[in-house]
Protein backbone atom coordinates (compact mmCIF):
# COMPACT_ATOMS: atom_id res chain seq x y z
CA UNK A 1 6.53 34.38 -11.37
CA UNK A 2 9.81 33.20 -9.82
CA UNK A 3 9.97 29.74 -8.38
CA UNK A 4 13.32 29.77 -6.63
CA UNK A 5 14.30 30.58 -3.07
CA UNK A 6 16.08 33.73 -4.30
CA UNK A 7 12.82 35.69 -4.75
CA UNK A 8 10.23 34.67 -2.14
CA UNK A 9 9.27 38.35 -1.81
CA UNK A 10 7.91 38.31 -5.38
CA UNK A 11 5.31 35.59 -4.88
CA UNK A 12 1.73 36.92 -5.06
CA UNK A 13 0.79 35.23 -1.79
CA UNK A 14 3.30 35.72 1.04
CA UNK A 15 2.49 34.25 4.42
CA UNK A 16 4.13 34.80 7.79
CA UNK A 17 3.38 31.88 10.12
CA UNK A 18 4.39 32.02 13.76
CA UNK A 19 3.80 30.02 16.90
CA UNK A 20 3.02 32.19 19.92
CA UNK A 21 2.32 31.69 23.59
CA UNK A 22 1.88 34.56 26.00
CA UNK A 23 4.40 36.78 24.17
CA UNK A 24 2.57 38.08 21.08
CA UNK A 25 5.33 40.64 20.46
CA UNK A 26 7.08 37.85 18.54
CA UNK A 27 4.72 38.73 15.68
CA UNK A 28 5.51 42.45 15.52
CA UNK A 29 9.23 41.87 16.08
CA UNK A 30 9.34 39.36 13.21
CA UNK A 31 7.19 41.51 10.94
CA UNK A 32 9.44 44.50 11.59
CA UNK A 33 12.57 42.47 10.78
CA UNK A 34 10.99 41.13 7.58
CA UNK A 35 9.29 44.23 6.20
CA UNK A 36 10.68 47.37 7.82
CA UNK A 37 14.23 46.85 9.12
CA UNK A 38 16.79 48.94 7.18
CA UNK A 39 19.40 47.28 5.03
CA UNK A 40 17.45 44.12 4.23
CA UNK A 41 15.45 42.95 1.21
CA UNK A 42 11.87 43.25 2.44
CA UNK A 43 9.50 40.32 2.63
CA UNK A 44 6.13 42.00 3.15
CA UNK A 45 3.49 39.39 4.02
CA UNK A 46 0.07 39.48 2.45
CA UNK A 47 -1.20 37.34 5.34
CA UNK A 48 -0.15 36.63 8.93
CA UNK A 49 -1.18 33.41 10.64
CA UNK A 50 -0.63 32.57 14.29
CA UNK A 51 -0.71 29.11 15.83
CA UNK A 52 -1.35 29.25 19.54
CA UNK A 53 -3.36 28.12 22.56
CA UNK A 54 -6.66 29.57 23.80
CA UNK A 55 -4.99 31.99 26.20
CA UNK A 56 -2.32 32.83 23.63
CA UNK A 57 -5.03 33.72 21.10
CA UNK A 58 -6.73 36.03 23.57
CA UNK A 59 -3.42 37.73 24.42
CA UNK A 60 -2.60 38.20 20.72
CA UNK A 61 -6.03 39.61 19.95
CA UNK A 62 -5.89 42.14 22.78
CA UNK A 63 -2.26 43.17 22.38
CA UNK A 64 -2.00 43.21 18.58
CA UNK A 65 -5.44 43.67 17.03
CA UNK A 66 -7.33 45.86 19.49
CA UNK A 67 -7.86 49.58 18.98
CA UNK A 68 -5.59 50.20 21.94
CA UNK A 69 -2.79 49.23 22.35
CA UNK A 70 -3.14 47.52 18.92
CA UNK A 71 0.59 47.10 18.36
CA UNK A 72 0.16 45.46 14.95
CA UNK A 73 -1.78 48.49 13.69
CA UNK A 74 0.79 50.85 15.25
CA UNK A 75 3.61 49.07 13.43
CA UNK A 76 1.82 49.21 10.08
CA UNK A 77 1.16 52.95 10.48
CA UNK A 78 4.67 53.75 11.73
CA UNK A 79 6.33 52.09 8.74
CA UNK A 80 3.61 52.64 6.10
CA UNK A 81 3.19 48.92 5.48
CA UNK A 82 0.58 47.89 2.91
CA UNK A 83 -2.64 46.18 4.00
CA UNK A 84 -2.24 42.55 5.00
CA UNK A 85 -4.72 39.99 6.21
CA UNK A 86 -4.38 39.53 9.95
CA UNK A 87 -7.47 39.20 12.10
CA UNK A 88 -9.21 36.77 14.43
CA UNK A 89 -9.76 34.32 11.56
CA UNK A 90 -6.01 33.91 11.02
CA UNK A 91 -5.31 33.08 14.65
CA UNK A 92 -5.44 29.28 14.76
CA UNK A 93 -6.10 27.79 18.20
CA UNK A 94 -4.82 24.26 18.67
CA UNK A 95 -7.43 21.70 19.73
CA UNK A 96 -7.49 18.51 21.76
CA UNK A 97 -8.97 15.19 20.64
CA UNK A 98 -12.49 16.40 21.45
CA UNK A 99 -12.19 19.53 19.36
CA UNK A 100 -11.81 21.76 22.41
CA UNK A 101 -9.31 24.61 22.44
CA UNK A 102 -6.05 23.74 24.21
CA UNK A 103 -5.31 25.98 27.16
CA UNK A 104 -1.70 24.80 27.25
CA UNK A 105 0.48 21.99 25.94
CA UNK A 106 1.53 19.81 28.86
CA UNK A 107 0.62 16.16 28.26
CA UNK A 108 1.70 13.68 25.56
CA UNK A 109 -1.82 13.87 24.11
CA UNK A 110 -1.60 17.66 23.98
CA UNK A 111 1.70 17.40 22.14
CA UNK A 112 0.32 14.88 19.64
CA UNK A 113 -2.73 16.99 18.81
CA UNK A 114 -0.61 20.15 18.58
CA UNK A 115 1.76 18.39 16.17
CA UNK A 116 -1.16 17.25 13.99
CA UNK A 117 -2.71 20.72 13.90
CA UNK A 118 0.56 22.43 13.03
CA UNK A 119 1.44 19.85 10.37
CA UNK A 120 -1.94 20.13 8.66
CA UNK A 121 -1.76 23.92 8.51
CA UNK A 122 1.73 23.88 6.97
CA UNK A 123 0.65 21.20 4.48
CA UNK A 124 -2.31 23.34 3.46
CA UNK A 125 -0.20 26.46 2.91
CA UNK A 126 2.55 24.67 0.98
CA UNK A 127 -0.02 23.08 -1.34
CA UNK A 128 -0.42 26.51 -2.98
CA UNK A 129 2.31 26.98 -5.64
CA UNK A 130 1.71 30.75 -5.68
CA UNK A 131 2.58 31.06 -2.01
CA UNK A 132 5.90 31.72 -0.26
CA UNK A 133 6.00 30.89 3.42
CA UNK A 134 8.09 32.50 6.14
CA UNK A 135 7.95 30.50 9.34
CA UNK A 136 9.00 31.86 12.72
CA UNK A 137 9.67 29.45 15.57
CA UNK A 138 10.59 32.12 18.12
CA UNK A 139 7.42 32.00 20.25
CA UNK A 140 5.28 29.53 22.17
CA UNK A 141 6.35 26.35 23.90
CA UNK A 142 9.59 24.83 22.66
CA UNK A 143 7.67 21.80 21.41
CA UNK A 144 5.44 24.07 19.29
CA UNK A 145 8.48 25.66 17.67
CA UNK A 146 9.99 22.24 17.05
CA UNK A 147 6.81 20.90 15.45
CA UNK A 148 6.47 23.97 13.23
CA UNK A 149 10.08 23.80 12.09
CA UNK A 150 9.85 20.07 11.47
CA UNK A 151 6.57 20.47 9.56
CA UNK A 152 8.32 22.95 7.27
CA UNK A 153 11.16 20.47 6.79
CA UNK A 154 8.59 17.84 5.78
CA UNK A 155 6.56 20.03 3.42
CA UNK A 156 8.70 23.08 2.64
CA UNK A 157 9.70 24.18 -0.86
CA UNK A 158 12.63 26.26 -2.18
CA UNK A 159 10.75 29.56 -1.70
CA UNK A 160 9.93 28.87 1.96
CA UNK A 161 12.06 30.18 4.83
CA UNK A 162 12.53 29.48 8.53
CA UNK A 163 13.76 31.95 11.14
CA UNK A 164 14.11 32.94 14.78
CA UNK A 165 13.91 36.60 15.78
CA UNK A 166 16.74 38.17 17.82
CA UNK A 167 16.15 41.26 20.00
CA UNK A 168 18.93 43.32 21.55
CA UNK A 169 19.27 43.85 25.28
CA UNK A 170 17.60 45.12 27.39
CA UNK A 171 14.47 44.77 25.26
CA UNK A 172 14.62 40.99 24.83
CA UNK A 173 13.04 40.33 28.24
CA UNK A 174 10.68 43.28 28.27
CA UNK A 175 6.97 42.50 28.04
CA UNK A 176 6.29 46.09 26.93
CA UNK A 177 8.55 46.02 23.85
CA UNK A 178 6.95 45.21 20.49
CA UNK A 179 9.27 46.64 17.81
CA UNK A 180 11.84 49.44 17.29
CA UNK A 181 9.84 52.63 16.90
CA UNK A 182 10.83 55.25 14.27
CA UNK A 183 10.52 57.99 16.89
CA UNK A 184 11.66 58.04 20.48
CA UNK A 185 9.51 56.07 22.93
CA UNK A 186 10.73 55.59 26.48
CA UNK A 187 9.97 52.23 28.03
CA UNK A 188 10.29 51.46 31.73
CA UNK A 189 11.98 48.12 32.34
CA UNK A 190 11.90 45.92 35.44
CA UNK A 191 13.87 47.54 38.27
CA UNK A 192 13.00 51.04 37.13
CA UNK A 193 15.51 51.22 34.26
CA UNK A 194 14.47 53.32 31.26
CA UNK A 195 15.25 52.57 27.62
CA UNK A 196 14.36 54.13 24.27
CA UNK A 197 12.67 51.67 21.91
CA UNK A 198 14.00 53.65 18.92
CA UNK A 199 17.47 52.32 19.76
CA UNK A 200 16.46 48.65 19.79
CA UNK A 201 17.99 46.24 17.29
CA UNK A 202 15.84 43.44 15.88
CA UNK A 203 17.20 40.93 13.38
CA UNK A 204 16.29 37.52 12.02
CA UNK A 205 18.47 34.45 12.32
CA UNK A 206 17.61 32.46 9.20
CA UNK A 207 17.61 28.72 9.83
CA UNK A 208 18.40 26.54 6.81
CA UNK A 209 16.33 23.36 6.66
CA UNK A 210 16.48 20.16 4.65
CA UNK A 211 13.29 19.64 2.65
CA UNK A 212 11.95 16.07 2.73
CA UNK A 213 8.96 16.92 0.57
CA UNK A 214 10.29 15.02 -2.46
CA UNK A 215 10.11 11.75 -0.49
CA UNK A 216 6.47 12.03 0.57
CA UNK A 217 3.72 10.09 -1.23
CA UNK A 218 1.29 12.24 -3.18
CA UNK A 219 -1.54 11.23 -0.85
CA UNK A 220 0.22 12.92 2.07
CA UNK A 221 0.89 16.08 0.06
CA UNK A 222 -2.70 16.52 -1.05
CA UNK A 223 -4.73 14.98 1.82
CA UNK A 224 -4.95 14.92 5.58
CA UNK A 225 -2.27 13.05 7.48
CA UNK A 226 -1.14 13.12 11.06
CA UNK A 227 2.29 14.31 12.10
CA UNK A 228 3.33 10.73 12.92
CA UNK A 229 2.12 9.41 9.56
CA UNK A 230 4.02 12.10 7.68
CA UNK A 231 7.23 11.56 9.66
CA UNK A 232 6.96 7.80 9.13
CA UNK A 233 6.52 8.26 5.38
CA UNK A 234 9.59 10.51 5.20
CA UNK A 235 11.59 8.06 7.30
CA UNK A 236 10.76 5.17 5.00
CA UNK A 237 11.51 7.26 1.92
CA UNK A 238 15.02 7.89 3.25
CA UNK A 239 15.60 4.29 4.45
CA UNK A 240 17.18 1.61 2.22
CA UNK A 241 14.44 0.10 0.01
CA UNK A 242 12.92 -3.19 1.11
CA UNK A 243 10.17 -5.18 -0.63
CA UNK A 244 8.03 -7.84 1.04
CA UNK A 245 5.58 -9.83 -1.08
CA UNK A 246 2.61 -11.76 0.31
CA UNK A 247 1.34 -13.67 -2.72
CA UNK A 248 -1.54 -15.41 -0.93
CA UNK A 249 -2.91 -12.11 0.41
CA UNK A 250 -2.11 -10.32 -2.89
CA UNK A 251 -0.33 -7.42 -1.25
CA UNK A 252 3.13 -6.01 -0.81
CA UNK A 253 4.99 -3.80 1.62
CA UNK A 254 7.23 -1.21 -0.01
CA UNK A 255 8.71 1.99 1.46
CA UNK A 256 6.97 1.03 4.70
CA UNK A 257 3.49 1.02 3.15
CA UNK A 258 1.26 -2.04 2.74
CA UNK A 259 -1.14 -2.15 -0.20
CA UNK A 260 -2.83 -4.62 -2.54
CA UNK A 261 -1.93 -5.32 -6.16
CA UNK A 262 -4.13 -6.94 -8.83
CA UNK A 263 -3.03 -10.53 -9.58
CA UNK A 264 -1.73 -9.75 -13.09
CA UNK A 265 0.52 -6.91 -11.90
CA UNK A 266 1.56 -8.75 -8.74
CA UNK A 267 2.64 -11.76 -10.81
CA UNK A 268 4.75 -9.55 -13.07
CA UNK A 269 6.40 -7.84 -10.09
CA UNK A 270 7.05 -11.23 -8.51
CA UNK A 271 8.84 -12.50 -11.63
CA UNK A 272 11.42 -9.75 -11.24
CA UNK A 273 11.47 -9.83 -7.45
CA UNK A 274 12.32 -13.51 -7.45
CA UNK A 275 15.14 -12.90 -9.90
CA UNK A 276 16.47 -10.07 -7.72
CA UNK A 277 16.27 -12.36 -4.69
CA UNK A 278 18.33 -15.01 -6.50
CA UNK A 279 20.78 -12.54 -8.04
CA UNK A 280 19.78 -13.48 -11.59
CA UNK A 281 20.49 -11.25 -14.61
CA UNK A 282 17.98 -8.89 -16.28
CA UNK A 283 15.57 -10.12 -18.93
CA UNK A 284 14.61 -8.85 -22.37
CA UNK A 285 10.92 -8.20 -22.89
CA UNK A 286 8.93 -10.60 -25.07
CA UNK A 287 8.99 -9.80 -28.77
CA UNK A 288 6.34 -7.30 -29.78
CA UNK A 289 4.12 -9.48 -31.97
CA UNK A 290 5.14 -13.06 -31.26
CA UNK A 291 4.46 -15.16 -28.17
CA UNK A 292 7.33 -16.05 -25.85
CA UNK A 293 6.82 -19.47 -24.22
CA UNK A 294 9.53 -18.93 -21.58
CA UNK A 295 7.90 -15.70 -20.48
CA UNK A 296 4.49 -17.42 -20.37
CA UNK A 297 5.90 -20.17 -18.15
CA UNK A 298 7.63 -17.95 -15.59
CA UNK A 299 4.60 -15.62 -15.42
CA UNK A 300 2.03 -18.39 -14.93
CA UNK A 301 4.15 -19.94 -12.17
CA UNK A 302 3.77 -16.73 -10.17
CA UNK A 303 0.08 -16.45 -11.02
CA UNK A 304 -0.55 -19.98 -9.71
CA UNK A 305 1.12 -19.04 -6.42
CA UNK A 306 -1.25 -16.09 -6.22
CA UNK A 307 -4.50 -17.79 -7.29
CA UNK A 308 -3.80 -21.21 -5.79
CA UNK A 309 -3.98 -24.54 -7.64
CA UNK A 310 -7.72 -24.19 -8.30
CA UNK A 311 -7.71 -20.54 -9.20
CA UNK A 312 -9.63 -19.17 -12.17
CA UNK A 313 -7.05 -18.38 -14.86
CA UNK A 314 -8.93 -19.35 -18.01
CA UNK A 315 -8.90 -15.87 -19.55
CA UNK A 316 -5.21 -15.37 -18.84
CA UNK A 317 -4.21 -18.79 -20.14
CA UNK A 318 -6.22 -18.20 -23.33
CA UNK A 319 -4.53 -14.82 -23.79
CA UNK A 320 -1.15 -16.48 -23.37
CA UNK A 321 -1.94 -19.65 -25.32
CA UNK A 322 0.84 -18.96 -27.81
CA UNK A 323 3.10 -17.33 -25.26
CA UNK A 324 3.39 -13.82 -23.83
CA UNK A 325 3.89 -11.10 -26.40
CA UNK A 326 5.33 -7.62 -25.98
CA UNK A 327 1.92 -5.94 -25.91
CA UNK A 328 0.72 -8.00 -22.93
CA UNK A 329 4.01 -7.40 -21.12
CA UNK A 330 4.08 -3.63 -21.67
CA UNK A 331 0.40 -3.18 -20.77
CA UNK A 332 0.78 -4.81 -17.35
CA UNK A 333 4.19 -3.25 -16.74
CA UNK A 334 2.63 0.19 -17.33
CA UNK A 335 -0.27 -0.59 -14.96
CA UNK A 336 2.17 -1.79 -12.30
CA UNK A 337 4.23 1.39 -12.56
CA UNK A 338 1.13 3.59 -12.24
CA UNK A 339 -0.06 1.77 -9.11
CA UNK A 340 3.35 1.96 -7.44
CA UNK A 341 3.70 5.67 -8.21
CA UNK A 342 0.19 6.41 -6.99
CA UNK A 343 0.76 4.54 -3.73
CA UNK A 344 4.33 5.62 -3.00
CA UNK A 345 4.95 8.86 -4.88
CA UNK A 346 8.65 9.60 -5.37
CA UNK A 347 9.50 6.76 -2.96
CA UNK A 348 8.35 4.30 -5.68
CA UNK A 349 11.54 4.69 -7.72
CA UNK A 350 13.52 1.72 -6.25
CA UNK A 351 10.52 -0.59 -6.75
CA UNK A 352 9.94 0.20 -10.43
CA UNK A 353 11.06 -2.36 -12.98
CA UNK A 354 13.82 -0.69 -14.99
CA UNK A 355 14.66 -1.23 -18.64
CA UNK A 356 18.33 -0.28 -18.10
CA UNK A 357 18.01 3.04 -19.95
CA UNK A 358 19.76 1.88 -23.10
CA UNK A 359 19.40 -0.61 -25.93
CA UNK A 360 19.00 -3.51 -25.94
CA UNK A 361 16.31 -3.05 -23.29
CA UNK A 362 16.92 -5.44 -20.41
CA UNK A 363 14.45 -5.40 -17.56
CA UNK A 364 15.18 -5.88 -13.87
CA UNK A 365 14.11 -4.94 -10.37
CA UNK A 366 17.20 -3.19 -9.08
CA UNK A 367 17.07 -4.36 -5.46
CA UNK A 368 19.80 -6.22 -3.61
CA UNK A 369 18.89 -9.85 -2.74
CA UNK A 370 18.66 -9.08 0.99
CA UNK A 371 16.03 -6.40 0.26
CA UNK A 372 13.47 -8.88 -1.11
CA UNK A 373 11.29 -11.05 1.13
CA UNK A 374 8.41 -13.44 0.54
CA UNK A 375 5.96 -14.27 3.32
CA UNK A 376 2.98 -13.16 5.34
CA UNK A 377 2.43 -9.47 5.98
CA UNK A 378 0.76 -9.13 9.36
CA UNK A 379 -2.76 -7.69 9.35
CA UNK A 380 -1.67 -5.05 11.84
CA UNK A 381 0.75 -3.67 9.26
CA UNK A 382 -1.94 -3.17 6.63
CA UNK A 383 -2.45 0.55 6.06
């Protein structure tokens, strides 16, 4: 199966997602342009999903899915399109904070809940590697189109596409036009003007988007997150790295996220963070099978800051009685890397202790001095 943007039409699951308001013809116009318009490589959806309000859902059901007029069924018959899943279950009605269907999107709360609903749906679709998504932002409120386009920018992959449908005059403003018909069909327009729908031109304006998916933590890609949480994670992933360490509370803030670290891994990170803060050179790791007293000293200094003067360190001090060896160092370095990657995803890279990539291995935290801070992390920031 292809995995590049050049062949989205060859993915086994192909989804058209559109936001609609009281103009459900956006769906048939877009479907025509994707699957039936001459001179284009067809993208024939296997599923169609609408995101709309309560009244928009009712309008779509009556105009598109009814026996009459049933414009979706007419289009499929006129152009011999294969079966595709599109029914009441694929019309997604946005909800307010109480789980009630939104009638319209007018207030800040309405906008926030609409953004969360749209973001979650796009996240769910893009979690399927066998799926190619085509997103249309032509319908609905402008904020709905914005949220849908931005959600695709946050979660989209190379095979996903974004578009806006363009309809020629005089059909663009006609509520009775749904798609260019293969045979003549005369439509009466406002003011008594007549036009033949067979002469209509419908095209798609493809909208390139920048994918921010690579900067999102794995937890946001695989779990539920609000629109604001996802945007904030992407913003921090793109911002210059900054590390704040709260030794007493045993937690750090990195890439905008606050989380705890075990004392052993926090002490190791702090060794390198303090050197980065002071502009000191990288360090070699302790020798593999012999204890390094200097490494033991610098490590226990950080551990005492974490545990306090009366902290329980007997097991650690016994393990390091003859100095820190390479095995102890590599074990806790590996654990630290795993925690940072699990918490931050791809955004962890600037906070990982690097070995320089060549021999001799020299380890450092590659942050500028002004990017490292020690001090309290406010409780309100804890996530």
